[in-house]
Amino acid sequence: KLYPVKVLLVGQEAIVKKELSAYTYDEDSIEVVNADEVISTEE
């Protein structure tokens, strides 16, 4: 909303999209890219 940028949110698609549904934004400004795994700090 503040800057002329497109953000690719990378993560578990269903979870990320659920979080995104709480916000209003230009739909062309954010895209979700699926990634099933997560690297933890303990690894």
Full PDB file with SEQRES, HELIX, SHEET, SSBOND, CRYST1, ORIGX, SCALE, CONECT and MASTER records, all heavy atoms in Angstrom:
SEQRES   1 A   43  LYS LEU TYR PRO VAL LYS VAL LEU LEU VAL GLY GLN GLU          
SEQRES   2 A   43  ALA ILE VAL LYS LYS GLU LEU SER ALA TYR THR TYR ASP          
SEQRES   3 A   43  GLU ASP SER ILE GLU VAL VAL ASN ALA ASP GLU VAL ILE          
SEQRES   4 A   43  SER THR GLU GLU                                              
HELIX    1 AA1 GLU A   13  LEU A   20  1                                   8    
HELIX    2 AA2 GLU A   27  SER A   29  5                                   3    
SHEET    1 AA1 2 VAL A   7  GLY A  11  0                                        
SHEET    2 AA1 2 ILE A  30  ASN A  34  1                                        
CRYST1    1.000    1.000    1.000  90.00  90.00  90.00 P 1           1          
ORIGX1      1.000000  0.000000  0.000000        0.00000                         
ORIGX2      0.000000  1.000000  0.000000        0.00000                         
ORIGX3      0.000000  0.000000  1.000000        0.00000                         
SCALE1      1.000000  0.000000  0.000000        0.00000                         
SCALE2      0.000000  1.000000  0.000000        0.00000                         
SCALE3      0.000000  0.000000  1.000000        0.00000                         
ATOM      1  N   LYS A   1       0.828  -1.211   0.000  1.00  0.00           N  
ATOM      2  CA  LYS A   1       0.000   0.000   0.000  1.00  0.00           C  
ATOM      3  C   LYS A   1       0.865   1.265   0.000  1.00  0.00           C  
ATOM      4  O   LYS A   1       0.439   2.323  -0.447  1.00  0.00           O  
ATOM      5  CB  LYS A   1      -0.918   0.017   1.219  1.00  0.00           C  
ATOM      6  CG  LYS A   1      -1.984  -1.064   1.203  1.00  0.00           C  
ATOM      7  CD  LYS A   1      -2.824  -1.004   2.481  1.00  0.00           C  
ATOM      8  CE  LYS A   1      -3.886  -2.090   2.502  1.00  0.00           C  
ATOM      9  NZ  LYS A   1      -4.687  -2.060   3.747  1.00  0.00           N  
ATOM     10  N   LEU A   2       2.097   1.112   0.514  1.00  0.00           N  
ATOM     11  CA  LEU A   2       2.987   2.265   0.657  1.00  0.00           C  
ATOM     12  C   LEU A   2       3.942   2.437  -0.516  1.00  0.00           C  
ATOM     13  O   LEU A   2       4.314   3.561  -0.864  1.00  0.00           O  
ATOM     14  CB  LEU A   2       3.805   2.127   1.950  1.00  0.00           C  
ATOM     15  CG  LEU A   2       3.028   2.147   3.268  1.00  0.00           C  
ATOM     16  CD1 LEU A   2       3.964   1.787   4.419  1.00  0.00           C  
ATOM     17  CD2 LEU A   2       2.407   3.514   3.492  1.00  0.00           C  
ATOM     18  N   TYR A   3       4.353   1.319  -1.123  1.00  0.00           N  
ATOM     19  CA  TYR A   3       5.422   1.366  -2.129  1.00  0.00           C  
ATOM     20  C   TYR A   3       5.004   0.680  -3.428  1.00  0.00           C  
ATOM     21  O   TYR A   3       4.224  -0.284  -3.410  1.00  0.00           O  
ATOM     22  CB  TYR A   3       6.687   0.699  -1.579  1.00  0.00           C  
ATOM     23  CG  TYR A   3       7.121   1.248  -0.248  1.00  0.00           C  
ATOM     24  CD1 TYR A   3       7.137   0.438   0.890  1.00  0.00           C  
ATOM     25  CD2 TYR A   3       7.496   2.581  -0.104  1.00  0.00           C  
ATOM     26  CE1 TYR A   3       7.533   0.940   2.125  1.00  0.00           C  
ATOM     27  CE2 TYR A   3       7.881   3.085   1.129  1.00  0.00           C  
ATOM     28  CZ  TYR A   3       7.896   2.260   2.237  1.00  0.00           C  
ATOM     29  OH  TYR A   3       8.267   2.757   3.456  1.00  0.00           O  
ATOM     30  N   PRO A   4       5.554   1.130  -4.553  1.00  0.00           N  
ATOM     31  CA  PRO A   4       5.230   0.534  -5.854  1.00  0.00           C  
ATOM     32  C   PRO A   4       6.007  -0.770  -6.075  1.00  0.00           C  
ATOM     33  O   PRO A   4       6.936  -0.839  -6.882  1.00  0.00           O  
ATOM     34  CB  PRO A   4       5.664   1.618  -6.846  1.00  0.00           C  
ATOM     35  CG  PRO A   4       6.805   2.305  -6.146  1.00  0.00           C  
ATOM     36  CD  PRO A   4       6.449   2.301  -4.682  1.00  0.00           C  
ATOM     37  N   VAL A   5       5.632  -1.795  -5.349  1.00  0.00           N  
ATOM     38  CA  VAL A   5       6.362  -3.054  -5.369  1.00  0.00           C  
ATOM     39  C   VAL A   5       5.386  -4.218  -5.444  1.00  0.00           C  
ATOM     40  O   VAL A   5       4.253  -4.127  -4.962  1.00  0.00           O  
ATOM     41  CB  VAL A   5       7.241  -3.170  -4.092  1.00  0.00           C  
ATOM     42  CG1 VAL A   5       6.389  -3.180  -2.833  1.00  0.00           C  
ATOM     43  CG2 VAL A   5       8.123  -4.406  -4.123  1.00  0.00           C  
ATOM     44  N   LYS A   6       5.812  -5.302  -6.060  1.00  0.00           N  
ATOM     45  CA  LYS A   6       5.046  -6.549  -6.046  1.00  0.00           C  
ATOM     46  C   LYS A   6       5.763  -7.520  -5.125  1.00  0.00           C  
ATOM     47  O   LYS A   6       6.979  -7.687  -5.200  1.00  0.00           O  
ATOM     48  CB  LYS A   6       4.924  -7.153  -7.441  1.00  0.00           C  
ATOM     49  CG  LYS A   6       4.126  -8.457  -7.452  1.00  0.00           C  
ATOM     50  CD  LYS A   6       3.850  -8.965  -8.845  1.00  0.00           C  
ATOM     51  CE  LYS A   6       3.013 -10.239  -8.794  1.00  0.00           C  
ATOM     52  NZ  LYS A   6       2.654 -10.736 -10.148  1.00  0.00           N  
ATOM     53  N   VAL A   7       5.016  -8.168  -4.239  1.00  0.00           N  
ATOM     54  CA  VAL A   7       5.596  -9.104  -3.275  1.00  0.00           C  
ATOM     55  C   VAL A   7       5.164 -10.524  -3.605  1.00  0.00           C  
ATOM     56  O   VAL A   7       3.965 -10.788  -3.816  1.00  0.00           O  
ATOM     57  CB  VAL A   7       5.156  -8.753  -1.832  1.00  0.00           C  
ATOM     58  CG1 VAL A   7       5.634  -9.817  -0.857  1.00  0.00           C  
ATOM     59  CG2 VAL A   7       5.699  -7.386  -1.430  1.00  0.00           C  
ATOM     60  N   LEU A   8       6.143 -11.414  -3.665  1.00  0.00           N  
ATOM     61  CA  LEU A   8       5.874 -12.843  -3.818  1.00  0.00           C  
ATOM     62  C   LEU A   8       6.007 -13.479  -2.437  1.00  0.00           C  
ATOM     63  O   LEU A   8       7.111 -13.578  -1.899  1.00  0.00           O  
ATOM     64  CB  LEU A   8       6.872 -13.481  -4.794  1.00  0.00           C  
ATOM     65  CG  LEU A   8       6.974 -12.846  -6.188  1.00  0.00           C  
ATOM     66  CD1 LEU A   8       8.000 -13.596  -7.033  1.00  0.00           C  
ATOM     67  CD2 LEU A   8       5.619 -12.826  -6.887  1.00  0.00           C  
ATOM     68  N   LEU A   9       4.905 -13.859  -1.838  1.00  0.00           N  
ATOM     69  CA  LEU A   9       4.923 -14.501  -0.530  1.00  0.00           C  
ATOM     70  C   LEU A   9       5.123 -15.999  -0.720  1.00  0.00           C  
ATOM     71  O   LEU A   9       4.287 -16.680  -1.325  1.00  0.00           O  
ATOM     72  CB  LEU A   9       3.614 -14.234   0.213  1.00  0.00           C  
ATOM     73  CG  LEU A   9       3.473 -12.870   0.891  1.00  0.00           C  
ATOM     74  CD1 LEU A   9       2.055 -12.690   1.419  1.00  0.00           C  
ATOM     75  CD2 LEU A   9       4.481 -12.713   2.028  1.00  0.00           C  
ATOM     76  N   VAL A  10       6.239 -16.496  -0.204  1.00  0.00           N  
ATOM     77  CA  VAL A  10       6.604 -17.893  -0.430  1.00  0.00           C  
ATOM     78  C   VAL A  10       6.321 -18.711   0.825  1.00  0.00           C  
ATOM     79  O   VAL A  10       6.828 -18.400   1.909  1.00  0.00           O  
ATOM     80  CB  VAL A  10       8.097 -18.011  -0.801  1.00  0.00           C  
ATOM     81  CG1 VAL A  10       8.412 -19.444  -1.230  1.00  0.00           C  
ATOM     82  CG2 VAL A  10       8.462 -17.036  -1.908  1.00  0.00           C  
ATOM     83  N   GLY A  11       5.504 -19.735   0.678  1.00  0.00           N  
ATOM     84  CA  GLY A  11       5.187 -20.572   1.831  1.00  0.00           C  
ATOM     85  C   GLY A  11       4.070 -21.542   1.530  1.00  0.00           C  
ATOM     86  O   GLY A  11       3.685 -21.732   0.364  1.00  0.00           O  
ATOM     87  N   GLN A  12       3.554 -22.169   2.561  1.00  0.00           N  
ATOM     88  CA  GLN A  12       2.479 -23.143   2.402  1.00  0.00           C  
ATOM     89  C   GLN A  12       1.214 -22.407   1.962  1.00  0.00           C  
ATOM     90  O   GLN A  12       0.634 -21.631   2.724  1.00  0.00           O  
ATOM     91  CB  GLN A  12       2.292 -23.908   3.704  1.00  0.00           C  
ATOM     92  CG  GLN A  12       3.528 -24.747   4.033  1.00  0.00           C  
ATOM     93  CD  GLN A  12       3.536 -25.283   5.453  1.00  0.00           C  
ATOM     94  OE1 GLN A  12       2.681 -24.923   6.261  1.00  0.00           O  
ATOM     95  NE2 GLN A  12       4.500 -26.143   5.752  1.00  0.00           N  
ATOM     96  N   GLU A  13       0.816 -22.646   0.737  1.00  0.00           N  
ATOM     97  CA  GLU A  13      -0.176 -21.823   0.045  1.00  0.00           C  
ATOM     98  C   GLU A  13      -1.477 -21.635   0.814  1.00  0.00           C  
ATOM     99  O   GLU A  13      -1.961 -20.506   0.969  1.00  0.00           O  
ATOM    100  CB  GLU A  13      -0.471 -22.430  -1.331  1.00  0.00           C  
ATOM    101  CG  GLU A  13      -1.326 -21.552  -2.208  1.00  0.00           C  
ATOM    102  CD  GLU A  13      -1.428 -22.080  -3.631  1.00  0.00           C  
ATOM    103  OE1 GLU A  13      -0.970 -23.214  -3.873  1.00  0.00           O  
ATOM    104  OE2 GLU A  13      -1.979 -21.362  -4.486  1.00  0.00           O  
ATOM    105  N   ALA A  14      -2.052 -22.702   1.318  1.00  0.00           N  
ATOM    106  CA  ALA A  14      -3.342 -22.608   2.003  1.00  0.00           C  
ATOM    107  C   ALA A  14      -3.243 -21.734   3.254  1.00  0.00           C  
ATOM    108  O   ALA A  14      -4.130 -20.907   3.530  1.00  0.00           O  
ATOM    109  CB  ALA A  14      -3.842 -24.007   2.377  1.00  0.00           C  
ATOM    110  N   ILE A  15      -2.158 -21.886   4.003  1.00  0.00           N  
ATOM    111  CA  ILE A  15      -1.964 -21.113   5.238  1.00  0.00           C  
ATOM    112  C   ILE A  15      -1.756 -19.634   4.924  1.00  0.00           C  
ATOM    113  O   ILE A  15      -2.344 -18.753   5.555  1.00  0.00           O  
ATOM    114  CB  ILE A  15      -0.771 -21.675   6.034  1.00  0.00           C  
ATOM    115  CG1 ILE A  15      -1.079 -23.102   6.500  1.00  0.00           C  
ATOM    116  CG2 ILE A  15      -0.442 -20.782   7.230  1.00  0.00           C  
ATOM    117  CD1 ILE A  15       0.099 -23.793   7.169  1.00  0.00           C  
ATOM    118  N   VAL A  16      -0.910 -19.362   3.930  1.00  0.00           N  
ATOM    119  CA  VAL A  16      -0.603 -17.969   3.571  1.00  0.00           C  
ATOM    120  C   VAL A  16      -1.840 -17.254   3.025  1.00  0.00           C  
ATOM    121  O   VAL A  16      -2.128 -16.108   3.388  1.00  0.00           O  
ATOM    122  CB  VAL A  16       0.550 -17.909   2.555  1.00  0.00           C  
ATOM    123  CG1 VAL A  16       0.819 -16.464   2.129  1.00  0.00           C  
ATOM    124  CG2 VAL A  16       1.818 -18.512   3.139  1.00  0.00           C  
ATOM    125  N   LYS A  17      -2.592 -17.934   2.180  1.00  0.00           N  
ATOM    126  CA  LYS A  17      -3.792 -17.318   1.605  1.00  0.00           C  
ATOM    127  C   LYS A  17      -4.845 -17.043   2.676  1.00  0.00           C  
ATOM    128  O   LYS A  17      -5.565 -16.040   2.607  1.00  0.00           O  
ATOM    129  CB  LYS A  17      -4.359 -18.208   0.506  1.00  0.00           C  
ATOM    130  CG  LYS A  17      -3.569 -18.134  -0.801  1.00  0.00           C  
ATOM    131  CD  LYS A  17      -4.249 -18.896  -1.917  1.00  0.00           C  
ATOM    132  CE  LYS A  17      -3.528 -18.661  -3.243  1.00  0.00           C  
ATOM    133  NZ  LYS A  17      -4.166 -19.392  -4.368  1.00  0.00           N  
ATOM    134  N   LYS A  18      -4.914 -17.925   3.666  1.00  0.00           N  
ATOM    135  CA  LYS A  18      -5.857 -17.696   4.767  1.00  0.00           C  
ATOM    136  C   LYS A  18      -5.496 -16.430   5.535  1.00  0.00           C  
ATOM    137  O   LYS A  18      -6.369 -15.636   5.896  1.00  0.00           O  
ATOM    138  CB  LYS A  18      -5.854 -18.906   5.705  1.00  0.00           C  
ATOM    139  CG  LYS A  18      -6.859 -18.794   6.844  1.00  0.00           C  
ATOM    140  CD  LYS A  18      -6.830 -20.016   7.738  1.00  0.00           C  
ATOM    141  CE  LYS A  18      -7.821 -19.861   8.887  1.00  0.00           C  
ATOM    142  NZ  LYS A  18      -7.804 -21.034   9.796  1.00  0.00           N  
ATOM    143  N   GLU A  19      -4.198 -16.228   5.777  1.00  0.00           N  
ATOM    144  CA  GLU A  19      -3.738 -15.014   6.456  1.00  0.00           C  
ATOM    145  C   GLU A  19      -4.010 -13.782   5.606  1.00  0.00           C  
ATOM    146  O   GLU A  19      -4.443 -12.746   6.099  1.00  0.00           O  
ATOM    147  CB  GLU A  19      -2.246 -15.111   6.780  1.00  0.00           C  
ATOM    148  CG  GLU A  19      -1.875 -16.138   7.832  1.00  0.00           C  
ATOM    149  CD  GLU A  19      -2.359 -15.755   9.222  1.00  0.00           C  
ATOM    150  OE1 GLU A  19      -2.672 -14.564   9.448  1.00  0.00           O  
ATOM    151  OE2 GLU A  19      -2.453 -16.655  10.066  1.00  0.00           O  
ATOM    152  N   LEU A  20      -3.778 -13.889   4.309  1.00  0.00           N  
ATOM    153  CA  LEU A  20      -3.968 -12.759   3.398  1.00  0.00           C  
ATOM    154  C   LEU A  20      -5.430 -12.320   3.317  1.00  0.00           C  
ATOM    155  O   LEU A  20      -5.711 -11.142   3.070  1.00  0.00           O  
ATOM    156  CB  LEU A  20      -3.487 -13.145   1.989  1.00  0.00           C  
ATOM    157  CG  LEU A  20      -2.065 -12.753   1.587  1.00  0.00           C  
ATOM    158  CD1 LEU A  20      -1.763 -13.284   0.203  1.00  0.00           C  
ATOM    159  CD2 LEU A  20      -1.855 -11.250   1.651  1.00  0.00           C  
ATOM    160  N   SER A  21      -6.335 -13.245   3.518  1.00  0.00           N  
ATOM    161  CA  SER A  21      -7.757 -12.935   3.389  1.00  0.00           C  
ATOM    162  C   SER A  21      -8.227 -11.891   4.400  1.00  0.00           C  
ATOM    163  O   SER A  21      -9.296 -11.297   4.242  1.00  0.00           O  
ATOM    164  CB  SER A  21      -8.591 -14.211   3.543  1.00  0.00           C  
ATOM    165  OG  SER A  21      -8.478 -14.737   4.862  1.00  0.00           O  
ATOM    166  N   ALA A  22      -7.424 -11.649   5.419  1.00  0.00           N  
ATOM    167  CA  ALA A  22      -7.786 -10.667   6.447  1.00  0.00           C  
ATOM    168  C   ALA A  22      -7.478  -9.231   6.018  1.00  0.00           C  
ATOM    169  O   ALA A  22      -7.860  -8.285   6.717  1.00  0.00           O  
ATOM    170  CB  ALA A  22      -7.061 -10.985   7.750  1.00  0.00           C  
ATOM    171  N   TYR A  23      -6.804  -9.068   4.876  1.00  0.00           N  
ATOM    172  CA  TYR A  23      -6.353  -7.731   4.477  1.00  0.00           C  
ATOM    173  C   TYR A  23      -6.926  -7.309   3.130  1.00  0.00           C  
ATOM    174  O   TYR A  23      -7.231  -8.146   2.270  1.00  0.00           O  
ATOM    175  CB  TYR A  23      -4.822  -7.696   4.407  1.00  0.00           C  
ATOM    176  CG  TYR A  23      -4.179  -8.110   5.713  1.00  0.00           C  
ATOM    177  CD1 TYR A  23      -3.680  -9.393   5.879  1.00  0.00           C  
ATOM    178  CD2 TYR A  23      -4.118  -7.233   6.787  1.00  0.00           C  
ATOM    179  CE1 TYR A  23      -3.112  -9.797   7.086  1.00  0.00           C  
ATOM    180  CE2 TYR A  23      -3.559  -7.618   7.992  1.00  0.00           C  
ATOM    181  CZ  TYR A  23      -3.062  -8.905   8.134  1.00  0.00           C  
ATOM    182  OH  TYR A  23      -2.512  -9.293   9.326  1.00  0.00           O  
ATOM    183  N   THR A  24      -7.035  -6.002   2.954  1.00  0.00           N  
ATOM    184  CA  THR A  24      -7.460  -5.431   1.681  1.00  0.00           C  
ATOM    185  C   THR A  24      -6.240  -4.850   0.979  1.00  0.00           C  
ATOM    186  O   THR A  24      -5.494  -4.067   1.571  1.00  0.00           O  
ATOM    187  CB  THR A  24      -8.502  -4.312   1.907  1.00  0.00           C  
ATOM    188  OG1 THR A  24      -9.616  -4.855   2.618  1.00  0.00           O  
ATOM    189  CG2 THR A  24      -8.969  -3.744   0.582  1.00  0.00           C  
ATOM    190  N   TYR A  25      -6.022  -5.234  -0.246  1.00  0.00           N  
ATOM    191  CA  TYR A  25      -4.848  -4.771  -0.998  1.00  0.00           C  
ATOM    192  C   TYR A  25      -5.110  -4.962  -2.489  1.00  0.00           C  
ATOM    193  O   TYR A  25      -6.040  -5.685  -2.887  1.00  0.00           O  
ATOM    194  CB  TYR A  25      -3.597  -5.549  -0.573  1.00  0.00           C  
ATOM    195  CG  TYR A  25      -3.723  -7.046  -0.763  1.00  0.00           C  
ATOM    196  CD1 TYR A  25      -3.314  -7.659  -1.945  1.00  0.00           C  
ATOM    197  CD2 TYR A  25      -4.307  -7.846   0.218  1.00  0.00           C  
ATOM    198  CE1 TYR A  25      -3.459  -9.021  -2.142  1.00  0.00           C  
ATOM    199  CE2 TYR A  25      -4.457  -9.211   0.043  1.00  0.00           C  
ATOM    200  CZ  TYR A  25      -4.027  -9.790  -1.146  1.00  0.00           C  
ATOM    201  OH  TYR A  25      -4.193 -11.139  -1.339  1.00  0.00           O  
ATOM    202  N   ASP A  26      -4.319  -4.332  -3.307  1.00  0.00           N  
ATOM    203  CA  ASP A  26      -4.380  -4.513  -4.753  1.00  0.00           C  
ATOM    204  C   ASP A  26      -3.986  -5.956  -5.069  1.00  0.00           C  
ATOM    205  O   ASP A  26      -2.872  -6.375  -4.770  1.00  0.00           O  
ATOM    206  CB  ASP A  26      -3.420  -3.520  -5.425  1.00  0.00           C  
ATOM    207  CG  ASP A  26      -3.407  -3.653  -6.938  1.00  0.00           C  
ATOM    208  OD1 ASP A  26      -4.054  -4.574  -7.467  1.00  0.00           O  
ATOM    209  OD2 ASP A  26      -2.733  -2.838  -7.597  1.00  0.00           O  
ATOM    210  N   GLU A  27      -4.885  -6.702  -5.661  1.00  0.00           N  
ATOM    211  CA  GLU A  27      -4.640  -8.131  -5.892  1.00  0.00           C  
ATOM    212  C   GLU A  27      -3.428  -8.392  -6.787  1.00  0.00           C  
ATOM    213  O   GLU A  27      -2.816  -9.451  -6.712  1.00  0.00           O  
ATOM    214  CB  GLU A  27      -5.884  -8.792  -6.481  1.00  0.00           C  
ATOM    215  CG  GLU A  27      -7.030  -8.886  -5.478  1.00  0.00           C  
ATOM    216  CD  GLU A  27      -8.201  -9.696  -6.004  1.00  0.00           C  
ATOM    217  OE1 GLU A  27      -8.090 -10.225  -7.129  1.00  0.00           O  
ATOM    218  OE2 GLU A  27      -9.219  -9.786  -5.292  1.00  0.00           O  
ATOM    219  N   ASP A  28      -3.090  -7.423  -7.618  1.00  0.00           N  
ATOM    220  CA  ASP A  28      -1.918  -7.592  -8.493  1.00  0.00           C  
ATOM    221  C   ASP A  28      -0.601  -7.370  -7.755  1.00  0.00           C  
ATOM    222  O   ASP A  28       0.468  -7.636  -8.296  1.00  0.00           O  
ATOM    223  CB  ASP A  28      -1.999  -6.609  -9.667  1.00  0.00           C  
ATOM    224  CG  ASP A  28      -3.152  -6.942 -10.597  1.00  0.00           C  
ATOM    225  OD1 ASP A  28      -3.519  -8.126 -10.690  1.00  0.00           O  
ATOM    226  OD2 ASP A  28      -3.690  -6.004 -11.232  1.00  0.00           O  
ATOM    227  N   SER A  29      -0.686  -6.875  -6.513  1.00  0.00           N  
ATOM    228  CA  SER A  29       0.531  -6.513  -5.790  1.00  0.00           C  
ATOM    229  C   SER A  29       1.127  -7.654  -4.957  1.00  0.00           C  
ATOM    230  O   SER A  29       2.269  -7.576  -4.535  1.00  0.00           O  
ATOM    231  CB  SER A  29       0.260  -5.316  -4.865  1.00  0.00           C  
ATOM    232  OG  SER A  29      -0.681  -5.672  -3.866  1.00  0.00           O  
ATOM    233  N   ILE A  30       0.343  -8.694  -4.714  1.00  0.00           N  
ATOM    234  CA  ILE A  30       0.835  -9.833  -3.929  1.00  0.00           C  
ATOM    235  C   ILE A  30       0.471 -11.136  -4.629  1.00  0.00           C  
ATOM    236  O   ILE A  30      -0.672 -11.333  -5.051  1.00  0.00           O  
ATOM    237  CB  ILE A  30       0.255  -9.840  -2.497  1.00  0.00           C  
ATOM    238  CG1 ILE A  30       0.703  -8.606  -1.722  1.00  0.00           C  
ATOM    239  CG2 ILE A  30       0.692 -11.106  -1.748  1.00  0.00           C  
ATOM    240  CD1 ILE A  30       0.167  -8.534  -0.300  1.00  0.00           C  
ATOM    241  N   GLU A  31       1.449 -12.023  -4.724  1.00  0.00           N  
ATOM    242  CA  GLU A  31       1.237 -13.356  -5.288  1.00  0.00           C  
ATOM    243  C   GLU A  31       1.791 -14.390  -4.311  1.00  0.00           C  
ATOM    244  O   GLU A  31       2.855 -14.186  -3.726  1.00  0.00           O  
ATOM    245  CB  GLU A  31       1.950 -13.474  -6.637  1.00  0.00           C  
ATOM    246  CG  GLU A  31       1.803 -14.829  -7.305  1.00  0.00           C  
ATOM    247  CD  GLU A  31       2.571 -14.915  -8.618  1.00  0.00           C  
ATOM    248  OE1 GLU A  31       2.834 -13.845  -9.221  1.00  0.00           O  
ATOM    249  OE2 GLU A  31       2.928 -16.033  -9.023  1.00  0.00           O  
ATOM    250  N   VAL A  32       1.071 -15.457  -4.127  1.00  0.00           N  
ATOM    251  CA  VAL A  32       1.524 -16.532  -3.239  1.00  0.00           C  
ATOM    252  C   VAL A  32       2.203 -17.615  -4.066  1.00  0.00           C  
ATOM    253  O   VAL A  32       1.639 -18.109  -5.054  1.00  0.00           O  
ATOM    254  CB  VAL A  32       0.352 -17.137  -2.439  1.00  0.00           C  
ATOM    255  CG1 VAL A  32       0.848 -18.278  -1.550  1.00  0.00           C  
ATOM    256  CG2 VAL A  32      -0.319 -16.065  -1.580  1.00  0.00           C  
ATOM    257  N   VAL A  33       3.425 -17.963  -3.667  1.00  0.00           N  
ATOM    258  CA  VAL A  33       4.184 -19.027  -4.332  1.00  0.00           C  
ATOM    259  C   VAL A  33       4.291 -20.188  -3.353  1.00  0.00           C  
ATOM    260  O   VAL A  33       4.813 -20.037  -2.250  1.00  0.00           O  
ATOM    261  CB  VAL A  33       5.593 -18.540  -4.740  1.00  0.00           C  
ATOM    262  CG1 VAL A  33       6.372 -19.675  -5.408  1.00  0.00           C  
ATOM    263  CG2 VAL A  33       5.490 -17.340  -5.674  1.00  0.00           C  
ATOM    264  N   ASN A  34       3.795 -21.341  -3.741  1.00  0.00           N  
ATOM    265  CA  ASN A  34       3.739 -22.471  -2.820  1.00  0.00           C  
ATOM    266  C   ASN A  34       5.109 -23.083  -2.537  1.00  0.00           C  
ATOM    267  O   ASN A  34       5.944 -23.245  -3.429  1.00  0.00           O  
ATOM    268  CB  ASN A  34       2.815 -23.560  -3.377  1.00  0.00           C  
ATOM    269  CG  ASN A  34       2.615 -24.690  -2.381  1.00  0.00           C  
ATOM    270  OD1 ASN A  34       2.160 -24.456  -1.262  1.00  0.00           O  
ATOM    271  ND2 ASN A  34       2.959 -25.905  -2.768  1.00  0.00           N  
ATOM    272  N   ALA A  35       5.333 -23.408  -1.286  1.00  0.00           N  
ATOM    273  CA  ALA A  35       6.527 -24.142  -0.834  1.00  0.00           C  
ATOM    274  C   ALA A  35       6.093 -24.951   0.382  1.00  0.00           C  
ATOM    275  O   ALA A  35       5.677 -24.386   1.389  1.00  0.00           O  
ATOM    276  CB  ALA A  35       7.652 -23.179  -0.471  1.00  0.00           C  
ATOM    277  N   ASP A  36       6.164 -26.266   0.285  1.00  0.00           N  
ATOM    278  CA  ASP A  36       5.586 -27.143   1.303  1.00  0.00           C  
ATOM    279  C   ASP A  36       6.407 -27.257   2.581  1.00  0.00           C  
ATOM    280  O   ASP A  36       5.866 -27.519   3.652  1.00  0.00           O  
ATOM    281  CB  ASP A  36       5.375 -28.556   0.731  1.00  0.00           C  
ATOM    282  CG  ASP A  36       4.367 -28.559  -0.415  1.00  0.00           C  
ATOM    283  OD1 ASP A  36       3.395 -27.786  -0.317  1.00  0.00           O  
ATOM    284  OD2 ASP A  36       4.566 -29.293  -1.395  1.00  0.00           O  
ATOM    285  N   GLU A  37       7.731 -27.046   2.476  1.00  0.00           N  
ATOM    286  CA  GLU A  37       8.603 -27.301   3.620  1.00  0.00           C  
ATOM    287  C   GLU A  37       9.058 -26.002   4.289  1.00  0.00           C  
ATOM    288  O   GLU A  37       9.019 -24.929   3.685  1.00  0.00           O  
ATOM    289  CB  GLU A  37       9.830 -28.102   3.174  1.00  0.00           C  
ATOM    290  CG  GLU A  37       9.488 -29.474   2.604  1.00  0.00           C  
ATOM    291  CD  GLU A  37      10.713 -30.187   2.056  1.00  0.00           C  
ATOM    292  OE1 GLU A  37      11.382 -29.615   1.183  1.00  0.00           O  
ATOM    293  OE2 GLU A  37      10.993 -31.313   2.513  1.00  0.00           O  
ATOM    294  N   VAL A  38       9.521 -26.143   5.541  1.00  0.00           N  
ATOM    295  CA  VAL A  38      10.038 -25.006   6.307  1.00  0.00           C  
ATOM    296  C   VAL A  38      11.356 -25.411   6.955  1.00  0.00           C  
ATOM    297  O   VAL A  38      11.452 -26.498   7.545  1.00  0.00           O  
ATOM    298  CB  VAL A  38       9.052 -24.562   7.408  1.00  0.00           C  
ATOM    299  CG1 VAL A  38       9.635 -23.386   8.192  1.00  0.00           C  
ATOM    300  CG2 VAL A  38       7.706 -24.176   6.809  1.00  0.00           C  
ATOM    301  N   ILE A  39      12.374 -24.571   6.844  1.00  0.00           N  
ATOM    302  CA  ILE A  39      13.657 -24.811   7.512  1.00  0.00           C  
ATOM    303  C   ILE A  39      13.608 -24.172   8.891  1.00  0.00           C  
ATOM    304  O   ILE A  39      13.365 -22.971   9.012  1.00  0.00           O  
ATOM    305  CB  ILE A  39      14.834 -24.236   6.698  1.00  0.00           C  
ATOM    306  CG1 ILE A  39      14.990 -25.003   5.379  1.00  0.00           C  
ATOM    307  CG2 ILE A  39      16.138 -24.305   7.502  1.00  0.00           C  
ATOM    308  CD1 ILE A  39      16.067 -24.446   4.464  1.00  0.00           C  
ATOM    309  N   SER A  40      13.840 -24.972   9.926  1.00  0.00           N  
ATOM    310  CA  SER A  40      13.808 -24.442  11.291  1.00  0.00           C  
ATOM    311  C   SER A  40      15.201 -23.989  11.718  1.00  0.00           C  
ATOM    312  O   SER A  40      16.209 -24.396  11.121  1.00  0.00           O  
ATOM    313  CB  SER A  40      13.295 -25.503  12.269  1.00  0.00           C  
ATOM    314  OG  SER A  40      14.256 -26.523  12.452  1.00  0.00           O  
ATOM    315  N   THR A  41      15.254 -23.189  12.765  1.00  0.00           N  
ATOM    316  CA  THR A  41      16.542 -22.684  13.262  1.00  0.00           C  
ATOM    317  C   THR A  41      17.357 -23.771  13.949  1.00  0.00           C  
ATOM    318  O   THR A  41      18.550 -23.598  14.151  1.00  0.00           O  
ATOM    319  CB  THR A  41      16.314 -21.521  14.245  1.00  0.00           C  
ATOM    320  OG1 THR A  41      15.419 -21.940  15.280  1.00  0.00           O  
ATOM    321  CG2 THR A  41      15.718 -20.312  13.530  1.00  0.00           C  
ATOM    322  N   GLU A  42      16.722 -24.891  14.307  1.00  0.00           N  
ATOM    323  CA  GLU A  42      17.437 -25.970  14.990  1.00  0.00           C  
ATOM    324  C   GLU A  42      18.205 -26.860  14.022  1.00  0.00           C  
ATOM    325  O   GLU A  42      19.088 -27.617  14.426  1.00  0.00           O  
ATOM    326  CB  GLU A  42      16.457 -26.848  15.787  1.00  0.00           C  
ATOM    327  CG  GLU A  42      15.843 -26.185  17.015  1.00  0.00           C  
ATOM    328  CD  GLU A  42      14.732 -25.217  16.656  1.00  0.00           C  
ATOM    329  OE1 GLU A  42      14.114 -25.391  15.586  1.00  0.00           O  
ATOM    330  OE2 GLU A  42      14.492 -24.277  17.438  1.00  0.00           O  
ATOM    331  N   GLU A  43      17.896 -26.775  12.737  1.00  0.00           N  
ATOM    332  CA  GLU A  43      18.520 -27.653  11.757  1.00  0.00           C  
ATOM    333  C   GLU A  43      19.921 -27.182  11.380  1.00  0.00           C  
ATOM    334  O   GLU A  43      20.218 -25.987  11.397  1.00  0.00           O  
ATOM    335  CB  GLU A  43      17.652 -27.729  10.502  1.00  0.00           C  
ATOM    336  CG  GLU A  43      16.290 -28.366  10.730  1.00  0.00           C  
ATOM    337  CD  GLU A  43      15.450 -28.391   9.472  1.00  0.00           C  
ATOM    338  OE1 GLU A  43      15.683 -29.277   8.631  1.00  0.00           O  
ATOM    339  OE2 GLU A  43      14.579 -27.531   9.329  1.00  0.00           O  
TER     340      GLU A  43                                                      
MASTER        0    0    0    2    2    0    0    6  339    1    0    4          
END                                                                             
